[in-house]
C-alpha atoms as a PDB file:
ATOM      1  CA  MET A   1       0.082   0.202  -0.166  1.00  0.00           C
ATOM      2  CA  ALA A   2       0.903   3.533  -0.513  1.00  0.00           C
ATOM      3  CA  LEU A   3       0.191   6.604   1.117  1.00  0.00           C
ATOM      4  CA  ILE A   4      -1.126   9.268  -1.541  1.00  0.00           C
ATOM      5  CA  TRP A   5      -1.123  13.288  -1.016  1.00  0.00           C
ATOM      6  CA  CYS A   6      -3.785  14.612  -2.805  1.00  0.00           C
ATOM      7  CA  GLY A   7      -3.135  18.217  -2.317  1.00  0.00           C
ATOM      8  CA  ARG A   8      -0.872  21.245  -2.899  1.00  0.00           C
ATOM      9  CA  GLY A   9       2.042  19.818  -1.830  1.00  0.00           C
ATOM     10  CA  GLN A  10       2.348  20.388   1.424  1.00  0.00           C
ATOM     11  CA  SER A  11       3.057  17.589   3.999  1.00  0.00           C
ATOM     12  CA  HIS A  12      -0.085  16.562   5.917  1.00  0.00           C
ATOM     13  CA  LYS A  13       1.248  18.035   9.013  1.00  0.00           C
ATOM     14  CA  ASN A  14       1.457  21.334   7.978  1.00  0.00           C
ATOM     15  CA  ARG A  15      -1.621  21.554   5.657  1.00  0.00           C
ATOM     16  CA  ARG A  16      -4.722  23.756   5.957  1.00  0.00           C
ATOM     17  CA  ALA A  17      -8.083  22.582   6.794  1.00  0.00           C
ATOM     18  CA  GLY A  18      -9.766  21.710   2.849  1.00  0.00           C
ATOM     19  CA  GLU A  19      -6.611  21.331   1.312  1.00  0.00           C
ATOM     20  CA  GLY A  20      -6.171  18.176   0.133  1.00  0.00           C
ATOM     21  CA  ALA A  21      -6.176  14.197   1.946  1.00  0.00           C
ATOM     22  CA  LEU A  22      -4.045  11.940   2.973  1.00  0.00           C
ATOM     23  CA  PHE A  23      -5.531   8.350   1.880  1.00  0.00           C
ATOM     24  CA  THR A  24      -3.910   5.175   1.184  1.00  0.00           C
ATOM     25  CA  LEU A  25      -3.907   2.765  -1.877  1.00  0.00           C
ATOM     26  CA  SER A  26      -3.577  -0.487  -2.416  1.00  0.00           C
ATOM     27  CA  PRO A  27      -1.429  -1.595  -5.388  1.00  0.00           C
ATOM     28  CA  GLU A  28      -4.302  -2.487  -7.834  1.00  0.00           C
ATOM     29  CA  THR A  29      -6.118   0.580  -7.107  1.00  0.00           C
ATOM     30  CA  ASN A  30      -6.589   2.528 -10.308  1.00  0.00           C
ATOM     31  CA  MET A  31      -5.432   6.338  -9.916  1.00  0.00           C
ATOM     32  CA  THR A  32      -8.880   7.622 -11.728  1.00  0.00           C
ATOM     33  CA  ASP A  33     -10.117   6.452  -8.335  1.00  0.00           C
ATOM     34  CA  GLN A  34      -8.707   9.506  -6.592  1.00  0.00           C
ATOM     35  CA  LEU A  35     -10.508  10.699  -3.909  1.00  0.00           C
ATOM     36  CA  LEU A  36     -11.817  14.482  -4.077  1.00  0.00           C
ATOM     37  CA  THR A  37     -12.672  17.081  -1.696  1.00  0.00           C
ATOM     38  CA  SER A  38     -15.503  19.229  -1.920  1.00  0.00           C
ATOM     39  CA  GLN A  39     -13.407  21.856  -3.149  1.00  0.00           C
ATOM     40  CA  ASP A  40     -12.020  19.559  -5.521  1.00  0.00           C
ATOM     41  CA  VAL A  41     -15.392  18.713  -7.049  1.00  0.00           C
ATOM     42  CA  GLN A  42     -16.352  22.031  -7.160  1.00  0.00           C
ATOM     43  CA  LYS A  43     -13.281  23.251  -9.090  1.00  0.00           C
ATOM     44  CA  LEU A  44     -13.917  20.065 -11.520  1.00  0.00           C
ATOM     45  CA  THR A  45     -17.785  20.388 -12.198  1.00  0.00           C
ATOM     46  CA  GLY A  46     -17.860  24.276 -11.721  1.00  0.00           C
ATOM     47  CA  ILE A  47     -20.629  24.018  -9.012  1.00  0.00           C
ATOM     48  CA  LYS A  48     -20.339  27.297  -6.822  1.00  0.00           C
ATOM     49  CA  SER A  49     -21.262  26.442  -3.616  1.00  0.00           C
ATOM     50  CA  ARG A  50     -21.030  23.604  -1.060  1.00  0.00           C
ATOM     51  CA  ALA A  51     -24.795  23.719  -0.318  1.00  0.00           C
ATOM     52  CA  THR A  52     -25.338  23.108  -3.879  1.00  0.00           C
ATOM     53  CA  LEU A  53     -23.279  20.186  -4.088  1.00  0.00           C
ATOM     54  CA  TRP A  54     -24.805  18.552  -0.962  1.00  0.00           C
ATOM     55  CA  LYS A  55     -28.204  18.920  -2.576  1.00  0.00           C
ATOM     56  CA  LYS A  56     -27.136  17.344  -5.876  1.00  0.00           C
ATOM     57  CA  SER A  57     -25.089  14.681  -3.965  1.00  0.00           C
ATOM     58  CA  ARG A  58     -28.683  13.920  -1.644  1.00  0.00           C
ATOM     59  CA  ASN A  59     -30.848  14.296  -5.105  1.00  0.00           C
ATOM     60  CA  MET A  60     -31.703  10.873  -6.630  1.00  0.00           C
ATOM     61  CA  ASN A  61     -33.084  11.832  -9.814  1.00  0.00           C
ATOM     62  CA  ASP A  62     -29.729  13.891 -10.719  1.00  0.00           C
ATOM     63  CA  ARG A  63     -27.615  11.200 -10.673  1.00  0.00           C
ATOM     64  CA  PHE A  64     -24.871  12.813  -9.163  1.00  0.00           C
ATOM     65  CA  PRO A  65     -22.487  10.870  -7.490  1.00  0.00           C
ATOM     66  CA  MET A  66     -22.923  10.050  -3.692  1.00  0.00           C
ATOM     67  CA  PRO A  67     -19.708  10.568  -1.318  1.00  0.00           C
ATOM     68  CA  TYR A  68     -17.893   8.216   0.749  1.00  0.00           C
ATOM     69  CA  LYS A  69     -17.685   8.824   4.262  1.00  0.00           C
ATOM     70  CA  ASP A  70     -14.872   7.537   6.884  1.00  0.00           C
ATOM     71  CA  GLY A  71     -15.738   9.268   9.934  1.00  0.00           C
ATOM     72  CA  PRO A  72     -17.573  12.614  10.651  1.00  0.00           C
ATOM     73  CA  LYS A  73     -15.119  14.706   9.031  1.00  0.00           C
ATOM     74  CA  PHE A  74     -13.621  12.696   5.970  1.00  0.00           C
ATOM     75  CA  THR A  75     -16.262  12.972   3.003  1.00  0.00           C
ATOM     76  CA  ARG A  76     -14.818  11.997  -0.342  1.00  0.00           C
ATOM     77  CA  TRP A  77     -16.034  11.484  -4.032  1.00  0.00           C
ATOM     78  CA  LYS A  78     -14.233   9.526  -6.357  1.00  0.00           C
ATOM     79  CA  LEU A  79     -12.769  11.232  -9.320  1.00  0.00           C
ATOM     80  CA  SER A  80     -13.598   8.309 -11.424  1.00  0.00           C
ATOM     81  CA  GLU A  81     -17.635   8.971 -10.688  1.00  0.00           C
ATOM     82  CA  ILE A  82     -17.226  12.922 -11.160  1.00  0.00           C
ATOM     83  CA  GLN A  83     -15.750  12.600 -14.247  1.00  0.00           C
ATOM     84  CA  GLN A  84     -18.059   9.684 -15.332  1.00  0.00           C
ATOM     85  CA  TRP A  85     -21.225  12.348 -14.242  1.00  0.00           C
ATOM     86  CA  ILE A  86     -19.693  14.791 -16.352  1.00  0.00           C
ATOM     87  CA  ASP A  87     -19.354  13.151 -19.324  1.00  0.00           C
ATOM     88  CA  GLN A  88     -22.738  11.877 -19.486  1.00  0.00           C
ATOM     89  CA  LEU A  89     -24.031  15.388 -19.220  1.00  0.00           C
ATOM     90  CA  GLU A  90     -25.911  16.743 -22.564  1.00  0.00           C
ATOM     91  CA  PRO A  91     -24.707  19.674 -24.357  1.00  0.00           C
ATOM     92  CA  VAL A  92     -26.729  22.624 -24.755  1.00  0.00           C
ATOM     93  CA  GLU A  93     -27.756  24.143 -28.003  1.00  0.00           C
ATOM     94  CA  VAL A  94     -27.613  27.962 -28.148  1.00  0.00           C
END
């Protein structure tokens, strides 16, 4: 297993809240299954507020990926699921 830092290049001891995450990967884990913070998901999707992100996550009709939780302060989304959601969006005709 490998420890992976997903963030802004700081060590986990010096990071500020909300700036990445330290997590483990097994050797068979695909790197497209990186775990993303809510801020990372907002940047990728263009969703402006965390409230909207959570509403989309809870809405079963929206098909937005559900987050994974491992404790009260650890909530992450899989990069592969976010990419799949983006890929299935239909283009807007102008």
